[in-house]
Amino acid sequence: LAALLLFSGCTGAEHGQDYGADTMRISAILPHNDYGYWTFVADGMHEADKRLPVDVKVHLPDLNYNVALMTELIEQEIAAQVDALIVQGIEDPAYIAALEKAKAQGIRVVLIDTDLASFQADLYVGTDNYAAGMEMGKRLVEVTGGKANVAVMSGSPEYPNLEERIQGIRDVIDDYPEMQILRVEYDQYDAMTVMEKYYLILRESPEINTLVAIEGTGGQTLGQMATIGFEHVLVFDDTEETIQGLKKGIFDGIVGQQNYEMGMISVEELHKCFATGAFTGDKIYTSVNWITPENMEATDES
């Protein structure tokens, strides 16, 4: 872990509780249960819940990645007067307004996985997404020999973590005149849309020889294919499906995130803050690792 060790005050005075003794009520609102990335985030939260005096409840919208439903869940938890919220950062005015309302009522807000420039959370726990994009860019140069026409598969433009990853990739490959990103497609975190975009790229842009999926749904979906129509494919997140894609030889490598640790640390830090009055810092960056067929045994989750 690389943390920015900036003192960040934390007090439970707004709710009139002694957080050194009382059980802290934490509500986590996650975008969906994908039996992969976000499931591991929730598992990390539950692990911390078992050994700390906290009560963690995980809430999911009825529709995957539905921002309006996630906003409603935030409002419900504000009304329930929970002590803290753990949420993904999403650039949506109503969503951010709900988070501002929570903070105004003394509820601590921790952003996980995705930070926000437009909202000052009490803490961010997750990947440094720009740095992760640069890591992907360096690996892209490495596997292609610095010559590639690239398509990027992303989730949605309203998620700043993904835009930061794209920018990190661009900033690396800009130094290589024979590398360029020719198109960016958004799959809306939907497996069917991943496949539609995949075939659209193949059909409309035959000059593209490299595909980069910078969010988990893309990698998980592509990892289940028998063969793939690009010379090089690089993906994010080491799930069962992406590891299988690596084993089958259809992926060059995976940028893996420490999602279990994100969930665990977010709960640990809230407990620490309410017990001692401070977080470790206002940003805690979890690491990424580059997984290839040569080193995947250390991270194989299958």
Protein backbone atom coordinates (compact mmCIF):
# COMPACT_ATOMS: atom_id res chain seq x y z
CA LEU A 1 0.00 0.00 0.00
CA ALA A 2 1.08 3.49 -0.80
CA ALA A 3 -0.77 6.02 1.32
CA LEU A 4 -0.77 9.80 1.29
CA LEU A 5 -0.25 10.30 5.00
CA LEU A 6 -2.26 13.45 5.43
CA PHE A 7 -4.02 13.89 8.77
CA SER A 8 -7.74 13.59 8.31
CA GLY A 9 -9.94 14.38 11.30
CA CYS A 10 -12.76 12.05 12.31
CA THR A 11 -15.26 12.42 15.09
CA GLY A 12 -18.58 10.87 15.92
CA ALA A 13 -19.85 13.88 17.84
CA GLU A 14 -22.58 14.56 15.29
CA HIS A 15 -24.41 11.39 16.36
CA GLY A 16 -23.57 11.70 20.04
CA GLN A 17 -21.94 8.24 20.25
CA ASP A 18 -18.77 6.95 21.86
CA TYR A 19 -17.29 5.10 18.91
CA GLY A 20 -14.60 3.52 21.03
CA ALA A 21 -17.27 1.31 22.61
CA ASP A 22 -20.37 1.30 20.40
CA THR A 23 -20.90 -0.75 17.28
CA MET A 24 -20.53 1.45 14.23
CA ARG A 25 -23.17 1.07 11.52
CA ILE A 26 -21.65 1.08 8.02
CA SER A 27 -23.64 0.84 4.80
CA ALA A 28 -21.85 -0.07 1.59
CA ILE A 29 -23.66 0.62 -1.67
CA LEU A 30 -22.00 -1.32 -4.47
CA PRO A 31 -23.00 -1.24 -8.15
CA HIS A 32 -23.75 -4.95 -8.51
CA ASN A 33 -22.90 -8.52 -7.54
CA ASP A 34 -20.74 -9.72 -10.40
CA TYR A 35 -19.36 -12.85 -8.74
CA GLY A 36 -15.99 -11.33 -9.45
CA TYR A 37 -14.59 -7.87 -8.78
CA TRP A 38 -17.32 -6.35 -6.59
CA THR A 39 -18.00 -9.65 -4.86
CA PHE A 40 -14.38 -9.69 -3.70
CA VAL A 41 -14.73 -6.07 -2.50
CA ALA A 42 -17.75 -7.12 -0.42
CA ASP A 43 -15.88 -10.19 0.88
CA GLY A 44 -13.12 -7.91 2.17
CA MET A 45 -15.68 -5.78 3.99
CA HIS A 46 -17.29 -8.83 5.58
CA GLU A 47 -13.88 -10.13 6.70
CA ALA A 48 -13.24 -6.88 8.58
CA ASP A 49 -16.81 -6.94 9.93
CA LYS A 50 -16.14 -10.31 11.60
CA ARG A 51 -13.25 -9.05 13.74
CA LEU A 52 -14.16 -5.42 14.45
CA PRO A 53 -17.02 -3.84 16.46
CA VAL A 54 -18.83 -2.72 13.32
CA ASP A 55 -22.05 -3.70 11.56
CA VAL A 56 -21.54 -3.68 7.80
CA LYS A 57 -24.50 -3.99 5.45
CA VAL A 58 -23.97 -4.26 1.68
CA HIS A 59 -26.75 -2.91 -0.54
CA LEU A 60 -27.11 -3.46 -4.30
CA PRO A 61 -29.39 -1.76 -6.84
CA ASP A 62 -32.03 -3.94 -8.54
CA LEU A 63 -30.40 -3.11 -11.88
CA ASN A 64 -26.63 -3.33 -12.33
CA TYR A 65 -24.81 -0.01 -12.29
CA ASN A 66 -28.08 1.93 -12.15
CA VAL A 67 -27.00 5.29 -10.75
CA ALA A 68 -30.56 6.47 -9.98
CA LEU A 69 -31.23 3.35 -7.89
CA MET A 70 -27.88 3.70 -6.15
CA THR A 71 -28.76 7.30 -5.32
CA GLU A 72 -32.06 6.10 -3.81
CA LEU A 73 -30.14 3.63 -1.67
CA ILE A 74 -27.90 6.43 -0.40
CA GLU A 75 -30.98 8.45 0.54
CA GLN A 76 -32.45 5.44 2.36
CA GLU A 77 -29.29 4.97 4.40
CA ILE A 78 -29.19 8.68 5.26
CA ALA A 79 -32.75 8.36 6.56
CA ALA A 80 -31.67 5.31 8.58
CA GLN A 81 -29.00 7.50 10.20
CA VAL A 82 -26.09 5.17 9.60
CA ASP A 83 -22.67 6.24 10.80
CA ALA A 84 -20.79 5.80 7.54
CA LEU A 85 -21.24 5.12 3.82
CA ILE A 86 -18.87 3.29 1.50
CA VAL A 87 -19.66 3.99 -2.16
CA GLN A 88 -18.09 4.09 -5.60
CA GLY A 89 -17.39 7.56 -6.98
CA ILE A 90 -19.73 8.40 -9.86
CA GLU A 91 -19.91 11.74 -11.69
CA ASP A 92 -23.65 12.26 -11.48
CA PRO A 93 -25.22 15.45 -10.03
CA ALA A 94 -28.00 13.73 -8.06
CA TYR A 95 -25.64 11.07 -6.77
CA ILE A 96 -23.11 13.65 -5.60
CA ALA A 97 -25.89 15.77 -4.04
CA ALA A 98 -26.92 12.75 -1.98
CA LEU A 99 -23.34 12.28 -0.79
CA GLU A 100 -23.14 15.98 0.14
CA LYS A 101 -26.37 15.56 2.12
CA ALA A 102 -24.88 12.60 3.97
CA LYS A 103 -21.77 14.58 4.91
CA ALA A 104 -23.88 17.53 6.05
CA GLN A 105 -25.66 15.18 8.47
CA GLY A 106 -22.39 13.93 9.95
CA ILE A 107 -22.19 10.66 8.05
CA ARG A 108 -18.66 9.73 7.03
CA VAL A 109 -18.29 9.03 3.32
CA VAL A 110 -15.60 6.72 1.97
CA LEU A 111 -15.14 6.39 -1.77
CA ILE A 112 -13.92 3.01 -2.94
CA ASP A 113 -12.47 2.01 -6.33
CA THR A 114 -13.27 5.38 -7.94
CA ASP A 115 -12.34 8.82 -6.58
CA LEU A 116 -14.13 12.05 -7.41
CA ALA A 117 -12.66 15.48 -8.13
CA SER A 118 -16.06 17.14 -7.62
CA PHE A 119 -16.74 15.74 -4.14
CA GLN A 120 -14.52 15.86 -1.06
CA ALA A 121 -14.92 12.46 0.55
CA ASP A 122 -13.50 11.73 4.00
CA LEU A 123 -11.35 8.99 2.48
CA TYR A 124 -10.58 7.28 -0.83
CA VAL A 125 -9.46 3.65 -0.86
CA GLY A 126 -8.53 2.06 -4.15
CA THR A 127 -6.28 2.02 -7.16
CA ASP A 128 -4.45 5.12 -8.35
CA ASN A 129 -6.27 4.82 -11.66
CA TYR A 130 -4.08 7.16 -13.67
CA ALA A 131 -1.00 5.24 -12.52
CA ALA A 132 -2.78 1.96 -13.35
CA GLY A 133 -3.47 3.29 -16.84
CA MET A 134 0.20 4.14 -17.23
CA GLU A 135 1.10 0.61 -16.11
CA MET A 136 -1.26 -0.77 -18.76
CA GLY A 137 0.31 1.58 -21.32
CA LYS A 138 3.82 0.34 -20.46
CA ARG A 139 2.72 -3.27 -20.75
CA LEU A 140 0.98 -2.48 -24.03
CA VAL A 141 4.25 -1.13 -25.43
CA GLU A 142 6.06 -4.18 -24.11
CA VAL A 143 3.82 -6.85 -25.67
CA THR A 144 3.36 -5.07 -29.01
CA GLY A 145 6.95 -3.92 -29.46
CA GLY A 146 5.75 -0.33 -29.64
CA LYS A 147 3.70 -0.88 -32.82
CA ALA A 148 -0.07 -1.18 -32.49
CA ASN A 149 -3.46 0.12 -33.60
CA VAL A 150 -5.50 -0.03 -30.43
CA ALA A 151 -9.17 -0.17 -29.49
CA VAL A 152 -10.12 0.44 -25.85
CA MET A 153 -13.18 -1.17 -24.30
CA SER A 154 -14.42 0.87 -21.34
CA GLY A 155 -17.53 0.84 -19.17
CA SER A 156 -19.12 4.28 -19.20
CA PRO A 157 -17.77 7.82 -19.57
CA GLU A 158 -19.40 8.89 -16.30
CA TYR A 159 -16.90 6.83 -14.29
CA PRO A 160 -13.78 8.99 -13.80
CA ASN A 161 -11.58 6.04 -12.83
CA LEU A 162 -11.92 4.64 -16.35
CA GLU A 163 -11.23 7.97 -18.01
CA GLU A 164 -8.11 8.30 -15.85
CA ARG A 165 -6.94 4.88 -17.02
CA ILE A 166 -7.44 5.84 -20.66
CA GLN A 167 -5.47 9.04 -20.12
CA GLY A 168 -2.67 7.09 -18.46
CA ILE A 169 -2.47 4.77 -21.48
CA ARG A 170 -2.46 7.72 -23.88
CA ASP A 171 0.29 9.52 -21.99
CA VAL A 172 2.56 6.47 -22.27
CA ILE A 173 1.95 5.56 -25.92
CA ASP A 174 2.19 9.18 -27.07
CA ASP A 175 5.96 8.64 -27.00
CA TYR A 176 5.65 5.87 -29.60
CA PRO A 177 4.82 7.16 -33.10
CA GLU A 178 3.70 3.74 -34.34
CA MET A 179 1.11 3.32 -31.57
CA GLN A 180 -2.31 4.94 -31.51
CA ILE A 181 -5.74 4.50 -29.97
CA LEU A 182 -8.12 4.47 -32.93
CA ARG A 183 -11.38 4.05 -31.05
CA VAL A 184 -12.89 3.85 -27.56
CA GLU A 185 -16.08 1.86 -27.07
CA TYR A 186 -18.28 1.81 -23.96
CA ASP A 187 -19.90 -1.49 -22.99
CA GLN A 188 -22.06 -0.12 -20.13
CA TYR A 189 -20.86 -2.99 -17.93
CA ASP A 190 -23.04 -5.41 -19.87
CA ALA A 191 -21.77 -8.70 -21.33
CA MET A 192 -24.07 -8.58 -24.36
CA THR A 193 -22.88 -5.06 -25.15
CA VAL A 194 -19.26 -6.19 -24.77
CA MET A 195 -19.84 -8.73 -27.54
CA GLU A 196 -21.68 -6.21 -29.73
CA LYS A 197 -18.80 -3.75 -29.41
CA TYR A 198 -16.23 -6.50 -29.99
CA TYR A 199 -17.78 -7.50 -33.33
CA LEU A 200 -18.39 -3.85 -34.25
CA ILE A 201 -14.66 -3.11 -33.91
CA LEU A 202 -13.72 -6.17 -35.96
CA ARG A 203 -16.19 -5.26 -38.69
CA GLU A 204 -15.60 -1.52 -38.91
CA SER A 205 -11.90 -1.27 -38.08
CA PRO A 206 -9.96 -4.20 -39.54
CA GLU A 207 -6.73 -2.22 -39.12
CA ILE A 208 -7.02 -2.56 -35.31
CA ASN A 209 -4.81 -5.38 -34.05
CA THR A 210 -4.89 -4.77 -30.29
CA LEU A 211 -7.77 -4.64 -27.82
CA VAL A 212 -7.53 -3.30 -24.26
CA ALA A 213 -10.40 -3.81 -21.81
CA ILE A 214 -9.99 -1.41 -18.91
CA GLU A 215 -12.89 -2.58 -16.75
CA GLY A 216 -13.83 -5.99 -15.43
CA THR A 217 -16.94 -6.84 -17.45
CA GLY A 218 -15.01 -6.63 -20.70
CA GLY A 219 -12.24 -8.92 -19.50
CA GLN A 220 -14.62 -11.41 -17.90
CA THR A 221 -16.74 -11.65 -21.06
CA LEU A 222 -13.84 -11.93 -23.49
CA GLY A 223 -12.13 -14.48 -21.26
CA GLN A 224 -14.94 -16.95 -21.92
CA MET A 225 -14.36 -16.95 -25.69
CA ALA A 226 -12.59 -19.88 -27.34
CA THR A 227 -10.57 -17.68 -29.68
CA ILE A 228 -10.27 -13.96 -30.22
CA GLY A 229 -9.87 -11.88 -33.37
CA PHE A 230 -7.05 -9.57 -32.30
CA GLU A 231 -3.33 -10.14 -32.24
CA HIS A 232 -3.01 -8.75 -28.71
CA VAL A 233 -5.55 -8.45 -25.89
CA LEU A 234 -4.83 -6.92 -22.47
CA VAL A 235 -7.43 -6.66 -19.72
CA PHE A 236 -8.05 -5.44 -16.18
CA ASP A 237 -8.91 -7.52 -13.09
CA ASP A 238 -7.87 -11.05 -12.22
CA THR A 239 -11.13 -12.96 -11.97
CA GLU A 240 -11.82 -16.61 -12.76
CA GLU A 241 -12.82 -15.67 -16.31
CA THR A 242 -9.79 -13.51 -17.06
CA ILE A 243 -7.40 -16.09 -15.62
CA GLN A 244 -9.03 -18.69 -17.87
CA GLY A 245 -8.51 -16.34 -20.83
CA LEU A 246 -4.86 -16.10 -19.87
CA LYS A 247 -4.55 -19.89 -19.64
CA LYS A 248 -6.14 -20.30 -23.07
CA GLY A 249 -3.62 -17.90 -24.55
CA ILE A 250 -6.13 -15.30 -25.75
CA PHE A 251 -4.84 -12.62 -23.34
CA ASP A 252 -1.29 -11.27 -23.20
CA GLY A 253 -1.70 -10.20 -19.60
CA ILE A 254 -3.92 -8.79 -16.87
CA VAL A 255 -3.55 -5.69 -14.72
CA GLY A 256 -4.87 -7.00 -11.40
CA GLN A 257 -6.28 -4.80 -8.65
CA GLN A 258 -6.41 -5.54 -4.93
CA ASN A 259 -10.19 -5.39 -4.63
CA TYR A 260 -10.47 -7.62 -1.55
CA GLU A 261 -8.04 -5.31 0.24
CA MET A 262 -10.05 -2.26 -0.85
CA GLY A 263 -13.12 -3.58 0.93
CA MET A 264 -11.25 -4.68 4.03
CA ILE A 265 -9.23 -1.47 4.38
CA SER A 266 -12.27 0.79 3.93
CA VAL A 267 -13.97 -0.82 6.94
CA GLU A 268 -10.76 -0.94 8.99
CA GLU A 269 -10.13 2.75 8.36
CA LEU A 270 -13.66 3.75 9.36
CA HIS A 271 -13.32 1.81 12.59
CA LYS A 272 -9.94 3.40 13.25
CA CYS A 273 -11.29 6.86 12.52
CA PHE A 274 -14.27 6.57 14.84
CA ALA A 275 -12.13 5.02 17.57
CA THR A 276 -9.10 7.33 17.40
CA GLY A 277 -10.31 10.46 15.63
CA ALA A 278 -8.28 10.12 12.43
CA PHE A 279 -7.85 8.11 9.27
CA THR A 280 -4.39 6.98 8.20
CA GLY A 281 -4.63 9.55 5.40
CA ASP A 282 -7.23 10.98 3.05
CA LYS A 283 -6.18 8.66 0.21
CA ILE A 284 -4.98 5.09 0.50
CA TYR A 285 -3.81 3.62 -2.79
CA THR A 286 -3.84 -0.13 -3.20
CA SER A 287 -1.36 -1.69 -5.59
CA VAL A 288 -1.75 -3.30 -9.01
CA ASN A 289 0.17 -6.25 -10.42
CA TRP A 290 0.87 -7.50 -13.94
CA ILE A 291 -0.22 -11.10 -14.40
CA THR A 292 1.07 -13.19 -17.31
CA PRO A 293 1.04 -16.91 -18.13
CA GLU A 294 4.51 -17.09 -16.57
CA ASN A 295 3.53 -15.71 -13.16
CA MET A 296 -0.20 -16.46 -12.90
CA GLU A 297 0.18 -19.42 -10.54
CA ALA A 298 0.74 -16.97 -7.70
CA THR A 299 -2.61 -15.27 -8.36
CA ASP A 300 -4.66 -18.07 -9.94
CA GLU A 301 -8.15 -17.90 -8.41
CA SER A 302 -9.62 -20.81 -10.35
